[in-house]
Amino acid sequence: DGLNILGTYAFAECELLTSISIPASVTYIRNDVFRGTRLTSIDLSHTQITVVPSYAFPNNKKLTSVLLPPTITTIQNYAFHDCNELEIINLDSLLNLQAIGEYTFCNTNIKAADLSRSQLTSIPRYAFDMCRQLESIKLPNTVSSIGENAFEYTSLTSLELPTSLLSIGRYAFNGAPIHGRLTLPASLQSIGESAFSS
């Protein structure tokens, strides 16, 4: 049957670990499993995991690329927090993705995030905060809320808001250089303070 579970802190703070091959038999990884390693990339696309747990990869300062399997439904809080070299993650192929957590991609180097084919209903607070290279975001028409500081200090210059959107939290797009035309959907009920301030 092979290896099924990677336990909590299994490879945490392995500062000399630069690459790893994960067998397809893995179905579950636990919190903090790869915290603070020197991994440059990781391919989980052949596994059957459904959840990227909280603090799975924080502070991986050399991590540039992540491939996740299409079985993913949830990416939890702080999963990739402070992976400040992370540029590539295959969000566009995660059709079963239903939830991402707070601070999930905060302070990463992601340039584009296509979530348009996901099943997300909300973008939580600080999800993409401090992603200073983020120039493009595509959201599905299932998202009803964008949390506070969700896209603060990104490089977004244009934005298409989902037609399902009900609320935008305070400072959600603070510091993002959005310009040109912005269409507010008819569904929108509230916009928080300084949501789009520069």
N, C-alpha and C. Protein backbone atom coordinates (compact mmCIF):
# COMPACT_ATOMS: atom_id res chain seq x y z
N ASP A 1 0.82 -1.22 0.00
CA ASP A 1 0.00 0.00 0.00
C ASP A 1 0.86 1.27 0.00
N GLY A 2 2.04 1.17 0.60
CA GLY A 2 2.96 2.30 0.58
C GLY A 2 2.66 3.36 1.62
N LEU A 3 3.37 4.45 1.50
CA LEU A 3 3.28 5.56 2.44
C LEU A 3 1.97 6.33 2.23
N ASN A 4 1.22 6.56 3.34
CA ASN A 4 -0.06 7.27 3.24
C ASN A 4 -0.04 8.66 3.86
N ILE A 5 0.68 8.82 4.98
CA ILE A 5 0.61 10.05 5.77
C ILE A 5 2.00 10.62 6.00
N LEU A 6 2.13 11.93 5.80
CA LEU A 6 3.32 12.65 6.22
C LEU A 6 2.95 13.42 7.49
N GLY A 7 3.55 13.07 8.60
CA GLY A 7 3.14 13.59 9.90
C GLY A 7 3.58 15.01 10.18
N THR A 8 3.00 15.58 11.22
CA THR A 8 3.32 16.94 11.67
C THR A 8 4.82 17.09 11.90
N TYR A 9 5.38 18.16 11.37
CA TYR A 9 6.80 18.50 11.50
C TYR A 9 7.73 17.43 10.90
N ALA A 10 7.21 16.56 10.03
CA ALA A 10 8.02 15.46 9.51
C ALA A 10 9.35 15.93 8.91
N PHE A 11 9.34 17.05 8.17
CA PHE A 11 10.55 17.57 7.56
C PHE A 11 10.82 19.02 7.97
N ALA A 12 10.20 19.45 9.04
CA ALA A 12 10.31 20.86 9.47
C ALA A 12 11.74 21.23 9.82
N GLU A 13 12.12 22.42 9.36
CA GLU A 13 13.44 22.99 9.64
C GLU A 13 14.59 22.13 9.15
N CYS A 14 14.34 21.30 8.13
CA CYS A 14 15.43 20.56 7.47
C CYS A 14 16.11 21.53 6.51
N GLU A 15 17.02 22.32 7.01
CA GLU A 15 17.57 23.44 6.27
C GLU A 15 18.48 23.03 5.11
N LEU A 16 18.85 21.75 5.06
CA LEU A 16 19.67 21.28 3.95
C LEU A 16 18.85 20.50 2.93
N LEU A 17 17.55 20.37 3.17
CA LEU A 17 16.68 19.62 2.26
C LEU A 17 16.30 20.50 1.06
N THR A 18 16.79 20.12 -0.13
CA THR A 18 16.54 20.94 -1.33
C THR A 18 15.57 20.29 -2.31
N SER A 19 15.38 18.97 -2.24
CA SER A 19 14.42 18.31 -3.12
C SER A 19 13.90 17.05 -2.44
N ILE A 20 12.69 16.64 -2.84
CA ILE A 20 12.08 15.45 -2.27
C ILE A 20 11.10 14.88 -3.28
N SER A 21 11.02 13.56 -3.33
CA SER A 21 10.07 12.88 -4.20
C SER A 21 9.00 12.23 -3.32
N ILE A 22 7.75 12.64 -3.52
CA ILE A 22 6.64 12.15 -2.71
C ILE A 22 5.91 11.06 -3.48
N PRO A 23 5.74 9.87 -2.89
CA PRO A 23 5.07 8.79 -3.63
C PRO A 23 3.58 9.05 -3.84
N ALA A 24 3.04 8.47 -4.88
CA ALA A 24 1.63 8.66 -5.25
C ALA A 24 0.67 8.12 -4.19
N SER A 25 1.16 7.25 -3.33
CA SER A 25 0.31 6.63 -2.31
C SER A 25 -0.08 7.59 -1.19
N VAL A 26 0.58 8.74 -1.10
CA VAL A 26 0.30 9.69 -0.02
C VAL A 26 -1.09 10.31 -0.21
N THR A 27 -1.89 10.26 0.85
CA THR A 27 -3.25 10.81 0.81
C THR A 27 -3.45 11.94 1.83
N TYR A 28 -2.49 12.11 2.73
CA TYR A 28 -2.70 13.08 3.80
C TYR A 28 -1.37 13.64 4.25
N ILE A 29 -1.27 14.97 4.35
CA ILE A 29 -0.10 15.61 4.96
C ILE A 29 -0.58 16.49 6.11
N ARG A 30 0.20 16.54 7.16
CA ARG A 30 -0.22 17.25 8.37
C ARG A 30 0.46 18.61 8.50
N ASN A 31 -0.01 19.37 9.48
CA ASN A 31 0.48 20.73 9.71
C ASN A 31 2.01 20.77 9.84
N ASP A 32 2.59 21.84 9.32
CA ASP A 32 4.02 22.14 9.51
C ASP A 32 4.95 21.09 8.90
N VAL A 33 4.44 20.29 8.00
CA VAL A 33 5.23 19.17 7.49
C VAL A 33 6.52 19.60 6.79
N PHE A 34 6.47 20.72 6.06
CA PHE A 34 7.66 21.19 5.34
C PHE A 34 8.06 22.60 5.79
N ARG A 35 7.76 22.97 6.99
CA ARG A 35 8.09 24.31 7.49
C ARG A 35 9.60 24.54 7.44
N GLY A 36 9.99 25.65 6.82
CA GLY A 36 11.37 26.11 6.91
C GLY A 36 12.42 25.22 6.29
N THR A 37 12.11 24.58 5.15
CA THR A 37 13.12 23.79 4.46
C THR A 37 13.81 24.64 3.40
N ARG A 38 14.67 24.00 2.60
CA ARG A 38 15.33 24.68 1.48
C ARG A 38 14.84 24.11 0.15
N LEU A 39 13.66 23.52 0.16
CA LEU A 39 13.09 22.99 -1.09
C LEU A 39 12.98 24.10 -2.13
N THR A 40 13.32 23.78 -3.37
CA THR A 40 13.18 24.75 -4.45
C THR A 40 11.89 24.51 -5.24
N SER A 41 11.40 23.29 -5.22
CA SER A 41 10.13 22.96 -5.87
C SER A 41 9.57 21.70 -5.21
N ILE A 42 8.28 21.49 -5.38
CA ILE A 42 7.68 20.25 -4.89
C ILE A 42 6.51 19.89 -5.80
N ASP A 43 6.44 18.61 -6.15
CA ASP A 43 5.40 18.10 -7.03
C ASP A 43 4.53 17.11 -6.26
N LEU A 44 3.31 17.54 -5.96
CA LEU A 44 2.34 16.68 -5.27
C LEU A 44 1.21 16.27 -6.21
N SER A 45 1.37 16.57 -7.50
CA SER A 45 0.28 16.43 -8.45
C SER A 45 -0.18 14.99 -8.66
N HIS A 46 0.65 14.03 -8.35
CA HIS A 46 0.31 12.62 -8.53
C HIS A 46 -0.25 11.99 -7.26
N THR A 47 -0.28 12.74 -6.16
CA THR A 47 -0.83 12.22 -4.90
C THR A 47 -2.35 12.38 -4.89
N GLN A 48 -2.98 11.90 -3.81
CA GLN A 48 -4.43 12.00 -3.68
C GLN A 48 -4.83 12.90 -2.51
N ILE A 49 -3.95 13.79 -2.10
CA ILE A 49 -4.29 14.65 -0.97
C ILE A 49 -5.43 15.60 -1.36
N THR A 50 -6.27 15.91 -0.39
CA THR A 50 -7.39 16.83 -0.61
C THR A 50 -7.20 18.16 0.12
N VAL A 51 -6.30 18.16 1.09
CA VAL A 51 -6.09 19.35 1.92
C VAL A 51 -4.60 19.68 2.00
N VAL A 52 -4.27 20.95 1.76
CA VAL A 52 -2.96 21.46 2.13
C VAL A 52 -3.15 22.09 3.50
N PRO A 53 -2.56 21.51 4.55
CA PRO A 53 -2.90 21.94 5.91
C PRO A 53 -2.25 23.26 6.30
N SER A 54 -2.68 23.79 7.43
CA SER A 54 -2.11 25.03 7.97
C SER A 54 -0.61 24.88 8.15
N TYR A 55 0.11 25.92 7.78
CA TYR A 55 1.56 25.99 7.97
C TYR A 55 2.30 24.84 7.28
N ALA A 56 1.77 24.33 6.18
CA ALA A 56 2.43 23.22 5.50
C ALA A 56 3.81 23.59 4.97
N PHE A 57 3.94 24.82 4.40
CA PHE A 57 5.19 25.22 3.75
C PHE A 57 5.70 26.60 4.17
N PRO A 58 5.37 27.15 5.32
CA PRO A 58 5.77 28.53 5.60
C PRO A 58 7.29 28.67 5.68
N ASN A 59 7.75 29.86 5.32
CA ASN A 59 9.17 30.22 5.45
C ASN A 59 10.09 29.33 4.62
N ASN A 60 9.57 28.81 3.51
CA ASN A 60 10.44 28.12 2.56
C ASN A 60 11.00 29.16 1.61
N LYS A 61 12.12 29.72 1.96
CA LYS A 61 12.65 30.90 1.27
C LYS A 61 13.19 30.61 -0.12
N LYS A 62 13.38 29.33 -0.45
CA LYS A 62 13.91 28.96 -1.77
C LYS A 62 12.85 28.35 -2.67
N LEU A 63 11.66 28.15 -2.16
CA LEU A 63 10.61 27.47 -2.92
C LEU A 63 10.07 28.37 -4.02
N THR A 64 10.19 27.90 -5.28
CA THR A 64 9.73 28.71 -6.41
C THR A 64 8.53 28.11 -7.13
N SER A 65 8.32 26.79 -6.99
CA SER A 65 7.28 26.13 -7.78
C SER A 65 6.60 25.04 -6.97
N VAL A 66 5.25 25.00 -7.06
CA VAL A 66 4.44 23.98 -6.38
C VAL A 66 3.40 23.45 -7.36
N LEU A 67 3.32 22.13 -7.46
CA LEU A 67 2.27 21.49 -8.24
C LEU A 67 1.38 20.70 -7.31
N LEU A 68 0.09 21.04 -7.32
CA LEU A 68 -0.89 20.38 -6.46
C LEU A 68 -1.79 19.48 -7.29
N PRO A 69 -2.36 18.43 -6.68
CA PRO A 69 -3.23 17.52 -7.43
C PRO A 69 -4.63 18.11 -7.61
N PRO A 70 -5.37 17.65 -8.61
CA PRO A 70 -6.73 18.16 -8.85
C PRO A 70 -7.72 17.76 -7.76
N THR A 71 -7.31 16.89 -6.85
CA THR A 71 -8.17 16.47 -5.74
C THR A 71 -8.27 17.51 -4.62
N ILE A 72 -7.45 18.54 -4.67
CA ILE A 72 -7.42 19.54 -3.59
C ILE A 72 -8.76 20.27 -3.47
N THR A 73 -9.30 20.28 -2.24
CA THR A 73 -10.52 21.03 -1.94
C THR A 73 -10.25 22.23 -1.03
N THR A 74 -9.17 22.15 -0.24
CA THR A 74 -8.91 23.18 0.76
C THR A 74 -7.42 23.45 0.88
N ILE A 75 -7.08 24.74 0.93
CA ILE A 75 -5.73 25.17 1.28
C ILE A 75 -5.87 26.02 2.54
N GLN A 76 -5.32 25.54 3.64
CA GLN A 76 -5.62 26.15 4.94
C GLN A 76 -4.71 27.34 5.27
N ASN A 77 -4.99 27.95 6.43
CA ASN A 77 -4.29 29.16 6.88
C ASN A 77 -2.77 29.02 6.83
N TYR A 78 -2.12 30.06 6.33
CA TYR A 78 -0.66 30.18 6.36
C TYR A 78 0.06 29.07 5.60
N ALA A 79 -0.62 28.37 4.71
CA ALA A 79 -0.01 27.22 4.04
C ALA A 79 1.29 27.57 3.32
N PHE A 80 1.30 28.73 2.64
CA PHE A 80 2.49 29.14 1.89
C PHE A 80 3.00 30.51 2.34
N HIS A 81 2.66 30.87 3.54
CA HIS A 81 3.02 32.17 4.09
C HIS A 81 4.54 32.37 4.09
N ASP A 82 4.96 33.54 3.61
CA ASP A 82 6.38 33.91 3.59
C ASP A 82 7.25 33.01 2.72
N CYS A 83 6.65 32.36 1.74
CA CYS A 83 7.45 31.69 0.69
C CYS A 83 7.74 32.75 -0.36
N ASN A 84 8.67 33.63 -0.04
CA ASN A 84 8.77 34.87 -0.82
C ASN A 84 9.42 34.72 -2.18
N GLU A 85 9.81 33.50 -2.57
CA GLU A 85 10.28 33.25 -3.93
C GLU A 85 9.28 32.43 -4.73
N LEU A 86 8.17 32.08 -4.13
CA LEU A 86 7.19 31.22 -4.80
C LEU A 86 6.49 31.98 -5.93
N GLU A 87 6.74 31.55 -7.16
CA GLU A 87 6.16 32.20 -8.34
C GLU A 87 5.07 31.36 -9.00
N ILE A 88 5.24 30.04 -8.99
CA ILE A 88 4.37 29.18 -9.77
C ILE A 88 3.61 28.21 -8.87
N ILE A 89 2.29 28.25 -8.99
CA ILE A 89 1.43 27.28 -8.33
C ILE A 89 0.21 27.10 -9.23
N ASN A 90 -0.16 25.88 -9.48
CA ASN A 90 -1.17 25.58 -10.51
C ASN A 90 -2.61 25.75 -10.02
N LEU A 91 -2.93 26.94 -9.58
CA LEU A 91 -4.28 27.23 -9.07
C LEU A 91 -5.34 27.05 -10.16
N ASP A 92 -4.98 27.30 -11.40
CA ASP A 92 -5.95 27.24 -12.49
C ASP A 92 -6.47 25.83 -12.75
N SER A 93 -5.79 24.82 -12.24
CA SER A 93 -6.24 23.43 -12.47
C SER A 93 -6.95 22.83 -11.26
N LEU A 94 -7.15 23.63 -10.22
CA LEU A 94 -7.78 23.12 -9.00
C LEU A 94 -9.30 23.33 -9.06
N LEU A 95 -9.96 22.52 -9.86
CA LEU A 95 -11.39 22.69 -10.11
C LEU A 95 -12.25 22.34 -8.91
N ASN A 96 -11.70 21.57 -7.96
CA ASN A 96 -12.45 21.18 -6.78
C ASN A 96 -12.16 22.05 -5.56
N LEU A 97 -11.36 23.08 -5.76
CA LEU A 97 -10.98 23.95 -4.64
C LEU A 97 -12.19 24.73 -4.13
N GLN A 98 -12.50 24.54 -2.83
CA GLN A 98 -13.67 25.17 -2.22
C GLN A 98 -13.31 26.23 -1.20
N ALA A 99 -12.10 26.16 -0.66
CA ALA A 99 -11.75 27.12 0.40
C ALA A 99 -10.24 27.33 0.47
N ILE A 100 -9.85 28.58 0.69
CA ILE A 100 -8.47 28.89 1.05
C ILE A 100 -8.51 29.65 2.38
N GLY A 101 -7.43 29.57 3.12
CA GLY A 101 -7.41 30.15 4.46
C GLY A 101 -6.81 31.54 4.51
N GLU A 102 -6.79 32.09 5.71
CA GLU A 102 -6.18 33.39 5.95
C GLU A 102 -4.67 33.30 5.78
N TYR A 103 -4.09 34.34 5.20
CA TYR A 103 -2.63 34.44 5.01
C TYR A 103 -2.06 33.32 4.14
N THR A 104 -2.88 32.62 3.39
CA THR A 104 -2.43 31.45 2.64
C THR A 104 -1.25 31.74 1.73
N PHE A 105 -1.35 32.81 0.94
CA PHE A 105 -0.29 33.15 -0.02
C PHE A 105 0.38 34.48 0.33
N CYS A 106 0.22 34.93 1.54
CA CYS A 106 0.77 36.21 1.97
C CYS A 106 2.29 36.25 1.80
N ASN A 107 2.76 37.33 1.18
CA ASN A 107 4.19 37.55 0.98
C ASN A 107 4.85 36.45 0.15
N THR A 108 4.16 36.07 -0.93
CA THR A 108 4.78 35.20 -1.93
C THR A 108 5.08 36.03 -3.18
N ASN A 109 5.67 35.39 -4.18
CA ASN A 109 6.10 36.08 -5.40
C ASN A 109 5.20 35.73 -6.59
N ILE A 110 3.99 35.27 -6.30
CA ILE A 110 3.05 34.87 -7.34
C ILE A 110 2.69 36.08 -8.22
N LYS A 111 2.72 35.88 -9.53
CA LYS A 111 2.44 36.98 -10.46
C LYS A 111 1.02 36.94 -11.01
N ALA A 112 0.44 35.75 -11.06
CA ALA A 112 -0.92 35.60 -11.56
C ALA A 112 -1.61 34.48 -10.79
N ALA A 113 -2.89 34.69 -10.48
CA ALA A 113 -3.67 33.68 -9.76
C ALA A 113 -5.02 33.52 -10.46
N ASP A 114 -5.16 32.44 -11.21
CA ASP A 114 -6.41 32.18 -11.92
C ASP A 114 -7.23 31.17 -11.11
N LEU A 115 -8.21 31.68 -10.42
CA LEU A 115 -9.10 30.86 -9.59
C LEU A 115 -10.49 30.74 -10.22
N SER A 116 -10.60 31.14 -11.46
CA SER A 116 -11.91 31.29 -12.10
C SER A 116 -12.66 29.98 -12.26
N ARG A 117 -11.96 28.87 -12.25
CA ARG A 117 -12.64 27.58 -12.42
C ARG A 117 -12.79 26.84 -11.10
N SER A 118 -12.44 27.49 -10.01
CA SER A 118 -12.57 26.89 -8.68
C SER A 118 -14.01 27.04 -8.18
N GLN A 119 -14.26 26.51 -6.97
CA GLN A 119 -15.58 26.61 -6.35
C GLN A 119 -15.55 27.50 -5.11
N LEU A 120 -14.60 28.41 -5.05
CA LEU A 120 -14.45 29.28 -3.89
C LEU A 120 -15.69 30.15 -3.68
N THR A 121 -16.04 30.35 -2.42
CA THR A 121 -17.14 31.26 -2.08
C THR A 121 -16.64 32.51 -1.36
N SER A 122 -15.39 32.50 -0.94
CA SER A 122 -14.84 33.69 -0.29
C SER A 122 -13.32 33.72 -0.45
N ILE A 123 -12.80 34.95 -0.39
CA ILE A 123 -11.35 35.16 -0.31
C ILE A 123 -11.11 35.74 1.08
N PRO A 124 -10.51 34.98 1.97
CA PRO A 124 -10.40 35.43 3.36
C PRO A 124 -9.37 36.53 3.55
N ARG A 125 -9.33 37.07 4.72
CA ARG A 125 -8.46 38.20 5.02
C ARG A 125 -6.99 37.82 4.86
N TYR A 126 -6.24 38.75 4.30
CA TYR A 126 -4.80 38.64 4.10
C TYR A 126 -4.38 37.47 3.19
N ALA A 127 -5.30 36.91 2.43
CA ALA A 127 -4.98 35.73 1.62
C ALA A 127 -3.83 35.97 0.65
N PHE A 128 -3.83 37.15 0.00
CA PHE A 128 -2.78 37.49 -0.96
C PHE A 128 -2.08 38.80 -0.57
N ASP A 129 -2.15 39.16 0.67
CA ASP A 129 -1.53 40.38 1.16
C ASP A 129 -0.02 40.37 0.91
N MET A 130 0.53 41.50 0.53
CA MET A 130 1.97 41.66 0.33
C MET A 130 2.52 40.82 -0.83
N CYS A 131 1.64 40.39 -1.73
CA CYS A 131 2.11 39.72 -2.96
C CYS A 131 2.43 40.81 -3.96
N ARG A 132 3.57 41.39 -3.84
CA ARG A 132 3.89 42.61 -4.57
C ARG A 132 4.07 42.40 -6.07
N GLN A 133 4.23 41.16 -6.49
CA GLN A 133 4.36 40.86 -7.92
C GLN A 133 3.03 40.44 -8.55
N LEU A 134 1.99 40.33 -7.75
CA LEU A 134 0.70 39.85 -8.27
C LEU A 134 0.05 40.90 -9.16
N GLU A 135 -0.01 40.60 -10.45
CA GLU A 135 -0.54 41.54 -11.44
C GLU A 135 -1.91 41.13 -11.96
N SER A 136 -2.30 39.88 -11.76
CA SER A 136 -3.56 39.39 -12.32
C SER A 136 -4.25 38.42 -11.37
N ILE A 137 -5.53 38.65 -11.16
CA ILE A 137 -6.34 37.74 -10.35
C ILE A 137 -7.66 37.50 -11.07
N LYS A 138 -8.05 36.24 -11.17
CA LYS A 138 -9.35 35.88 -11.76
C LYS A 138 -10.14 35.09 -10.73
N LEU A 139 -11.32 35.60 -10.42
CA LEU A 139 -12.16 34.98 -9.39
C LEU A 139 -13.40 34.37 -10.02
N PRO A 140 -13.91 33.29 -9.42
CA PRO A 140 -15.12 32.67 -9.96
C PRO A 140 -16.37 33.44 -9.54
N ASN A 141 -17.44 33.25 -10.27
CA ASN A 141 -18.72 33.90 -9.93
C ASN A 141 -19.47 33.12 -8.87
N THR A 142 -18.69 32.58 -7.92
CA THR A 142 -19.26 31.96 -6.72
C THR A 142 -18.79 32.69 -5.47
N VAL A 143 -17.85 33.61 -5.64
CA VAL A 143 -17.29 34.34 -4.50
C VAL A 143 -18.26 35.43 -4.05
N SER A 144 -18.62 35.39 -2.77
CA SER A 144 -19.55 36.39 -2.24
C SER A 144 -18.86 37.41 -1.34
N SER A 145 -17.65 37.09 -0.86
CA SER A 145 -16.96 38.04 0.01
C SER A 145 -15.46 38.05 -0.24
N ILE A 146 -14.89 39.24 -0.15
CA ILE A 146 -13.44 39.43 -0.21
C ILE A 146 -13.06 40.06 1.12
N GLY A 147 -12.23 39.38 1.89
CA GLY A 147 -11.93 39.80 3.25
C GLY A 147 -10.98 40.97 3.34
N GLU A 148 -10.84 41.48 4.55
CA GLU A 148 -9.98 42.63 4.77
C GLU A 148 -8.53 42.32 4.42
N ASN A 149 -7.89 43.28 3.78
CA ASN A 149 -6.48 43.20 3.40
C ASN A 149 -6.17 42.03 2.46
N ALA A 150 -7.18 41.47 1.82
CA ALA A 150 -6.99 40.26 1.02
C ALA A 150 -5.97 40.44 -0.10
N PHE A 151 -6.01 41.60 -0.76
CA PHE A 151 -5.10 41.88 -1.88
C PHE A 151 -4.32 43.17 -1.64
N GLU A 152 -4.08 43.49 -0.40
CA GLU A 152 -3.37 44.71 -0.05
C GLU A 152 -1.91 44.65 -0.53
N TYR A 153 -1.44 45.77 -1.06
CA TYR A 153 -0.05 45.89 -1.53
C TYR A 153 0.31 44.84 -2.57
N THR A 154 -0.61 44.63 -3.50
CA THR A 154 -0.30 43.83 -4.69
C THR A 154 -0.02 44.79 -5.84
N SER A 155 0.23 44.23 -7.03
CA SER A 155 0.47 45.06 -8.21
C SER A 155 -0.68 44.98 -9.21
N LEU A 156 -1.87 44.70 -8.70
CA LEU A 156 -3.05 44.63 -9.57
C LEU A 156 -3.33 46.00 -10.19
N THR A 157 -3.45 46.02 -11.52
CA THR A 157 -3.77 47.28 -12.20
C THR A 157 -5.21 47.28 -12.73
N SER A 158 -5.78 46.10 -12.89
CA SER A 158 -7.18 46.00 -13.33
C SER A 158 -7.85 44.89 -12.53
N LEU A 159 -9.17 44.93 -12.52
CA LEU A 159 -9.89 44.02 -11.66
C LEU A 159 -11.29 43.78 -12.20
N GLU A 160 -11.67 42.52 -12.31
CA GLU A 160 -13.04 42.16 -12.66
C GLU A 160 -13.66 41.46 -11.46
N LEU A 161 -14.60 42.12 -10.83
CA LEU A 161 -15.22 41.58 -9.63
C LEU A 161 -16.32 40.58 -10.01
N PRO A 162 -16.45 39.50 -9.24
CA PRO A 162 -17.48 38.49 -9.56
C PRO A 162 -18.89 39.04 -9.40
N THR A 163 -19.79 38.57 -10.22
CA THR A 163 -21.19 39.04 -10.19
C THR A 163 -21.93 38.54 -8.95
N SER A 164 -21.31 37.64 -8.20
CA SER A 164 -21.91 37.09 -6.98
C SER A 164 -21.48 37.85 -5.73
N LEU A 165 -20.62 38.85 -5.88
CA LEU A 165 -19.97 39.49 -4.74
C LEU A 165 -20.95 40.32 -3.90
N LEU A 166 -20.92 40.10 -2.58
CA LEU A 166 -21.77 40.84 -1.64
C LEU A 166 -20.98 41.86 -0.82
N SER A 167 -19.73 41.53 -0.47
CA SER A 167 -19.00 42.43 0.42
C SER A 167 -17.51 42.44 0.10
N ILE A 168 -16.92 43.61 0.30
CA ILE A 168 -15.47 43.81 0.17
C ILE A 168 -15.00 44.39 1.50
N GLY A 169 -14.08 43.72 2.15
CA GLY A 169 -13.61 44.15 3.46
C GLY A 169 -12.70 45.35 3.41
N ARG A 170 -12.45 45.92 4.57
CA ARG A 170 -11.59 47.10 4.65
C ARG A 170 -10.17 46.77 4.21
N TYR A 171 -9.57 47.73 3.51
CA TYR A 171 -8.20 47.61 3.01
C TYR A 171 -8.00 46.43 2.05
N ALA A 172 -9.08 45.90 1.51
CA ALA A 172 -8.98 44.70 0.66
C ALA A 172 -8.01 44.88 -0.50
N PHE A 173 -8.05 46.05 -1.14
CA PHE A 173 -7.17 46.33 -2.28
C PHE A 173 -6.29 47.56 -2.01
N ASN A 174 -6.11 47.88 -0.75
CA ASN A 174 -5.31 49.04 -0.36
C ASN A 174 -3.90 48.94 -0.94
N GLY A 175 -3.47 50.00 -1.58
CA GLY A 175 -2.12 50.04 -2.12
C GLY A 175 -1.94 49.38 -3.48
N ALA A 176 -3.00 48.78 -4.01
CA ALA A 176 -2.91 48.18 -5.35
C ALA A 176 -3.16 49.28 -6.39
N PRO A 177 -2.35 49.36 -7.45
CA PRO A 177 -2.45 50.46 -8.40
C PRO A 177 -3.55 50.25 -9.45
N ILE A 178 -4.74 49.92 -9.01
CA ILE A 178 -5.85 49.68 -9.93
C ILE A 178 -6.22 51.01 -10.60
N HIS A 179 -6.34 50.98 -11.94
CA HIS A 179 -6.72 52.20 -12.64
C HIS A 179 -7.61 51.84 -13.83
N GLY A 180 -8.11 52.87 -14.49
CA GLY A 180 -9.06 52.64 -15.58
C GLY A 180 -10.45 52.39 -15.01
N ARG A 181 -11.19 51.54 -15.66
CA ARG A 181 -12.59 51.31 -15.31
C ARG A 181 -12.74 50.17 -14.31
N LEU A 182 -13.51 50.40 -13.27
CA LEU A 182 -13.85 49.36 -12.29
C LEU A 182 -15.36 49.27 -12.21
N THR A 183 -15.90 48.10 -12.49
CA THR A 183 -17.35 47.90 -12.45
C THR A 183 -17.73 47.21 -11.15
N LEU A 184 -18.59 47.84 -10.38
CA LEU A 184 -19.09 47.25 -9.14
C LEU A 184 -20.33 46.44 -9.46
N PRO A 185 -20.35 45.16 -9.11
CA PRO A 185 -21.51 44.32 -9.45
C PRO A 185 -22.77 44.74 -8.71
N ALA A 186 -23.91 44.53 -9.33
CA ALA A 186 -25.19 44.92 -8.73
C ALA A 186 -25.46 44.20 -7.42
N SER A 187 -24.82 43.05 -7.24
CA SER A 187 -25.03 42.25 -6.02
C SER A 187 -24.36 42.86 -4.79
N LEU A 188 -23.40 43.77 -5.00
CA LEU A 188 -22.55 44.27 -3.92
C LEU A 188 -23.36 45.06 -2.89
N GLN A 189 -23.17 44.71 -1.60
CA GLN A 189 -23.91 45.35 -0.52
C GLN A 189 -23.05 46.24 0.37
N SER A 190 -21.75 45.94 0.47
CA SER A 190 -20.92 46.76 1.35
C SER A 190 -19.47 46.78 0.89
N ILE A 191 -18.85 47.95 1.08
CA ILE A 191 -17.42 48.13 0.82
C ILE A 191 -16.81 48.75 2.07
N GLY A 192 -15.79 48.11 2.60
CA GLY A 192 -15.19 48.55 3.84
C GLY A 192 -14.28 49.77 3.66
N GLU A 193 -13.87 50.34 4.77
CA GLU A 193 -13.05 51.55 4.75
C GLU A 193 -11.71 51.30 4.05
N SER A 194 -11.31 52.28 3.27
CA SER A 194 -10.04 52.26 2.56
C SER A 194 -9.85 51.03 1.69
N ALA A 195 -10.94 50.46 1.22
CA ALA A 195 -10.88 49.21 0.45
C ALA A 195 -10.02 49.34 -0.79
N PHE A 196 -10.09 50.51 -1.45
CA PHE A 196 -9.34 50.71 -2.69
C PHE A 196 -8.37 51.88 -2.58
N SER A 197 -8.07 52.31 -1.39
CA SER A 197 -7.22 53.49 -1.23
C SER A 197 -5.79 53.20 -1.66
N SER A 198 -5.11 54.24 -2.07
CA SER A 198 -3.73 54.08 -2.50
C SER A 198 -2.78 54.82 -1.59
